[in-house]
Amino acid sequence: MKTIYVDTSVFGRCFDTEFKAYSNKLLDEFKRGKMKMMIADLVMGEL
């Protein structure tokens, strides 16, 4: 299983028309357990 580091841009792009499909697909992969998300405490604070 791949571990992917994400920052706030992944979440912010869910609302961007140009990148919405890509970001939502990536988040769906995390939800389904296909990939593991790594996220910094700092990013959690920003969200």
PDB file of N, CA and C in Angstrom:
ATOM      1  N   MET A   1       0.837  -1.175   0.000  1.00  0.00           N
ATOM      2  CA  MET A   1       0.000   0.000   0.000  1.00  0.00           C
ATOM      3  C   MET A   1       0.887   1.245   0.000  1.00  0.00           C
ATOM      4  N   LYS A   2       0.565   2.186  -0.851  1.00  0.00           N
ATOM      5  CA  LYS A   2       1.315   3.438  -0.918  1.00  0.00           C
ATOM      6  C   LYS A   2       0.881   4.373   0.204  1.00  0.00           C
ATOM      7  N   THR A   3       1.847   5.105   0.745  1.00  0.00           N
ATOM      8  CA  THR A   3       1.570   6.161   1.706  1.00  0.00           C
ATOM      9  C   THR A   3       1.825   7.487   1.003  1.00  0.00           C
ATOM     10  N   ILE A   4       0.833   8.350   1.018  1.00  0.00           N
ATOM     11  CA  ILE A   4       0.903   9.629   0.324  1.00  0.00           C
ATOM     12  C   ILE A   4       0.789  10.757   1.345  1.00  0.00           C
ATOM     13  N   TYR A   5       1.742  11.702   1.296  1.00  0.00           N
ATOM     14  CA  TYR A   5       1.666  12.881   2.153  1.00  0.00           C
ATOM     15  C   TYR A   5       0.775  13.912   1.473  1.00  0.00           C
ATOM     16  N   VAL A   6      -0.186  14.433   2.208  1.00  0.00           N
ATOM     17  CA  VAL A   6      -1.056  15.475   1.658  1.00  0.00           C
ATOM     18  C   VAL A   6      -0.973  16.735   2.512  1.00  0.00           C
ATOM     19  N   ASP A   7      -1.201  17.860   1.852  1.00  0.00           N
ATOM     20  CA  ASP A   7      -1.265  19.126   2.574  1.00  0.00           C
ATOM     21  C   ASP A   7      -2.621  19.771   2.288  1.00  0.00           C
ATOM     22  N   THR A   8      -2.786  20.994   2.722  1.00  0.00           N
ATOM     23  CA  THR A   8      -4.092  21.649   2.595  1.00  0.00           C
ATOM     24  C   THR A   8      -4.548  21.825   1.150  1.00  0.00           C
ATOM     25  N   SER A   9      -3.620  21.853   0.216  1.00  0.00           N
ATOM     26  CA  SER A   9      -4.016  22.064  -1.182  1.00  0.00           C
ATOM     27  C   SER A   9      -4.893  20.928  -1.701  1.00  0.00           C
ATOM     28  N   VAL A  10      -4.675  19.713  -1.231  1.00  0.00           N
ATOM     29  CA  VAL A  10      -5.506  18.582  -1.671  1.00  0.00           C
ATOM     30  C   VAL A  10      -6.957  18.822  -1.277  1.00  0.00           C
ATOM     31  N   PHE A  11      -7.167  19.280  -0.056  1.00  0.00           N
ATOM     32  CA  PHE A  11      -8.528  19.530   0.419  1.00  0.00           C
ATOM     33  C   PHE A  11      -9.129  20.772  -0.235  1.00  0.00           C
ATOM     34  N   GLY A  12      -8.332  21.809  -0.379  1.00  0.00           N
ATOM     35  CA  GLY A  12      -8.813  23.041  -1.006  1.00  0.00           C
ATOM     36  C   GLY A  12      -9.203  22.854  -2.453  1.00  0.00           C
ATOM     37  N   ARG A  13      -8.495  21.978  -3.134  1.00  0.00           N
ATOM     38  CA  ARG A  13      -8.777  21.744  -4.556  1.00  0.00           C
ATOM     39  C   ARG A  13     -10.076  20.971  -4.771  1.00  0.00           C
ATOM     40  N   CYS A  14     -10.637  20.421  -3.715  1.00  0.00           N
ATOM     41  CA  CYS A  14     -11.942  19.754  -3.837  1.00  0.00           C
ATOM     42  C   CYS A  14     -13.031  20.751  -4.224  1.00  0.00           C
ATOM     43  N   PHE A  15     -12.771  22.031  -4.003  1.00  0.00           N
ATOM     44  CA  PHE A  15     -13.736  23.083  -4.318  1.00  0.00           C
ATOM     45  C   PHE A  15     -13.350  23.865  -5.571  1.00  0.00           C
ATOM     46  N   ASP A  16     -12.265  23.469  -6.209  1.00  0.00           N
ATOM     47  CA  ASP A  16     -11.758  24.142  -7.407  1.00  0.00           C
ATOM     48  C   ASP A  16     -12.252  23.379  -8.636  1.00  0.00           C
ATOM     49  N   THR A  17     -12.955  24.048  -9.499  1.00  0.00           N
ATOM     50  CA  THR A  17     -13.549  23.395 -10.668  1.00  0.00           C
ATOM     51  C   THR A  17     -12.534  22.608 -11.486  1.00  0.00           C
ATOM     52  N   GLU A  18     -11.353  23.159 -11.661  1.00  0.00           N
ATOM     53  CA  GLU A  18     -10.335  22.526 -12.503  1.00  0.00           C
ATOM     54  C   GLU A  18      -9.770  21.240 -11.895  1.00  0.00           C
ATOM     55  N   PHE A  19      -9.629  21.185 -10.579  1.00  0.00           N
ATOM     56  CA  PHE A  19      -8.967  20.056  -9.928  1.00  0.00           C
ATOM     57  C   PHE A  19      -9.885  19.198  -9.061  1.00  0.00           C
ATOM     58  N   LYS A  20     -11.144  19.557  -8.988  1.00  0.00           N
ATOM     59  CA  LYS A  20     -12.105  18.887  -8.107  1.00  0.00           C
ATOM     60  C   LYS A  20     -12.133  17.365  -8.301  1.00  0.00           C
ATOM     61  N   ALA A  21     -12.208  16.921  -9.527  1.00  0.00           N
ATOM     62  CA  ALA A  21     -12.310  15.485  -9.810  1.00  0.00           C
ATOM     63  C   ALA A  21     -11.077  14.732  -9.320  1.00  0.00           C
ATOM     64  N   TYR A  22      -9.897  15.310  -9.511  1.00  0.00           N
ATOM     65  CA  TYR A  22      -8.655  14.646  -9.107  1.00  0.00           C
ATOM     66  C   TYR A  22      -8.537  14.551  -7.585  1.00  0.00           C
ATOM     67  N   SER A  23      -8.831  15.645  -6.902  1.00  0.00           N
ATOM     68  CA  SER A  23      -8.720  15.653  -5.444  1.00  0.00           C
ATOM     69  C   SER A  23      -9.740  14.718  -4.810  1.00  0.00           C
ATOM     70  N   ASN A  24     -10.962  14.744  -5.312  1.00  0.00           N
ATOM     71  CA  ASN A  24     -11.992  13.866  -4.760  1.00  0.00           C
ATOM     72  C   ASN A  24     -11.675  12.398  -5.019  1.00  0.00           C
ATOM     73  N   LYS A  25     -11.103  12.100  -6.170  1.00  0.00           N
ATOM     74  CA  LYS A  25     -10.714  10.718  -6.467  1.00  0.00           C
ATOM     75  C   LYS A  25      -9.624  10.260  -5.504  1.00  0.00           C
ATOM     76  N   LEU A  26      -8.642  11.120  -5.245  1.00  0.00           N
ATOM     77  CA  LEU A  26      -7.573  10.781  -4.312  1.00  0.00           C
ATOM     78  C   LEU A  26      -8.132  10.538  -2.914  1.00  0.00           C
ATOM     79  N   LEU A  27      -9.002  11.420  -2.442  1.00  0.00           N
ATOM     80  CA  LEU A  27      -9.598  11.246  -1.117  1.00  0.00           C
ATOM     81  C   LEU A  27     -10.439   9.976  -1.054  1.00  0.00           C
ATOM     82  N   ASP A  28     -11.098   9.638  -2.142  1.00  0.00           N
ATOM     83  CA  ASP A  28     -11.871   8.399  -2.195  1.00  0.00           C
ATOM     84  C   ASP A  28     -10.960   7.178  -2.078  1.00  0.00           C
ATOM     85  N   GLU A  29      -9.790   7.234  -2.692  1.00  0.00           N
ATOM     86  CA  GLU A  29      -8.822   6.135  -2.587  1.00  0.00           C
ATOM     87  C   GLU A  29      -8.397   5.935  -1.128  1.00  0.00           C
ATOM     88  N   PHE A  30      -8.222   7.033  -0.404  1.00  0.00           N
ATOM     89  CA  PHE A  30      -7.887   6.932   1.019  1.00  0.00           C
ATOM     90  C   PHE A  30      -9.042   6.305   1.797  1.00  0.00           C
ATOM     91  N   LYS A  31     -10.253   6.751   1.530  1.00  0.00           N
ATOM     92  CA  LYS A  31     -11.435   6.240   2.239  1.00  0.00           C
ATOM     93  C   LYS A  31     -11.619   4.743   2.015  1.00  0.00           C
ATOM     94  N   ARG A  32     -11.342   4.291   0.808  1.00  0.00           N
ATOM     95  CA  ARG A  32     -11.519   2.874   0.479  1.00  0.00           C
ATOM     96  C   ARG A  32     -10.356   2.006   0.926  1.00  0.00           C
ATOM     97  N   GLY A  33      -9.317   2.631   1.474  1.00  0.00           N
ATOM     98  CA  GLY A  33      -8.173   1.872   1.967  1.00  0.00           C
ATOM     99  C   GLY A  33      -7.180   1.466   0.897  1.00  0.00           C
ATOM    100  N   LYS A  34      -7.263   2.060  -0.280  1.00  0.00           N
ATOM    101  CA  LYS A  34      -6.337   1.746  -1.367  1.00  0.00           C
ATOM    102  C   LYS A  34      -4.966   2.372  -1.134  1.00  0.00           C
ATOM    103  N   MET A  35      -4.957   3.521  -0.446  1.00  0.00           N
ATOM    104  CA  MET A  35      -3.723   4.226  -0.108  1.00  0.00           C
ATOM    105  C   MET A  35      -3.838   4.735   1.321  1.00  0.00           C
ATOM    106  N   LYS A  36      -2.690   4.987   1.911  1.00  0.00           N
ATOM    107  CA  LYS A  36      -2.656   5.508   3.273  1.00  0.00           C
ATOM    108  C   LYS A  36      -2.280   6.987   3.228  1.00  0.00           C
ATOM    109  N   MET A  37      -3.044   7.809   3.953  1.00  0.00           N
ATOM    110  CA  MET A  37      -2.788   9.246   3.982  1.00  0.00           C
ATOM    111  C   MET A  37      -1.864   9.588   5.143  1.00  0.00           C
ATOM    112  N   MET A  38      -0.854  10.400   4.843  1.00  0.00           N
ATOM    113  CA  MET A  38       0.015  10.943   5.880  1.00  0.00           C
ATOM    114  C   MET A  38      -0.219  12.445   5.879  1.00  0.00           C
ATOM    115  N   ILE A  39      -0.500  12.978   7.062  1.00  0.00           N
ATOM    116  CA  ILE A  39      -0.810  14.397   7.164  1.00  0.00           C
ATOM    117  C   ILE A  39      -0.166  14.957   8.420  1.00  0.00           C
ATOM    118  N   ALA A  40       0.451  16.113   8.306  1.00  0.00           N
ATOM    119  CA  ALA A  40       1.161  16.723   9.425  1.00  0.00           C
ATOM    120  C   ALA A  40       0.183  17.365  10.407  1.00  0.00           C
ATOM    121  N   ASP A  41       0.584  17.432  11.664  1.00  0.00           N
ATOM    122  CA  ASP A  41      -0.233  18.097  12.679  1.00  0.00           C
ATOM    123  C   ASP A  41      -0.503  19.547  12.296  1.00  0.00           C
ATOM    124  N   LEU A  42       0.477  20.196  11.703  1.00  0.00           N
ATOM    125  CA  LEU A  42       0.316  21.582  11.268  1.00  0.00           C
ATOM    126  C   LEU A  42      -0.817  21.708  10.256  1.00  0.00           C
ATOM    127  N   VAL A  43      -0.891  20.772   9.329  1.00  0.00           N
ATOM    128  CA  VAL A  43      -1.951  20.781   8.322  1.00  0.00           C
ATOM    129  C   VAL A  43      -3.302  20.574   8.993  1.00  0.00           C
ATOM    130  N   MET A  44      -3.370  19.672   9.942  1.00  0.00           N
ATOM    131  CA  MET A  44      -4.624  19.437  10.667  1.00  0.00           C
ATOM    132  C   MET A  44      -5.086  20.721  11.343  1.00  0.00           C
ATOM    133  N   GLY A  45      -4.148  21.476  11.886  1.00  0.00           N
ATOM    134  CA  GLY A  45      -4.484  22.743  12.518  1.00  0.00           C
ATOM    135  C   GLY A  45      -5.012  23.765  11.528  1.00  0.00           C
ATOM    136  N   GLU A  46      -4.502  23.720  10.301  1.00  0.00           N
ATOM    137  CA  GLU A  46      -4.946  24.651   9.267  1.00  0.00           C
ATOM    138  C   GLU A  46      -6.340  24.313   8.760  1.00  0.00           C
ATOM    139  N   LEU A  47      -6.696  23.034   8.811  1.00  0.00           N
ATOM    140  CA  LEU A  47      -8.005  22.621   8.320  1.00  0.00           C
ATOM    141  C   LEU A  47      -9.069  22.982   9.320  1.00  0.00           C
TER     142      LEU A  47
END
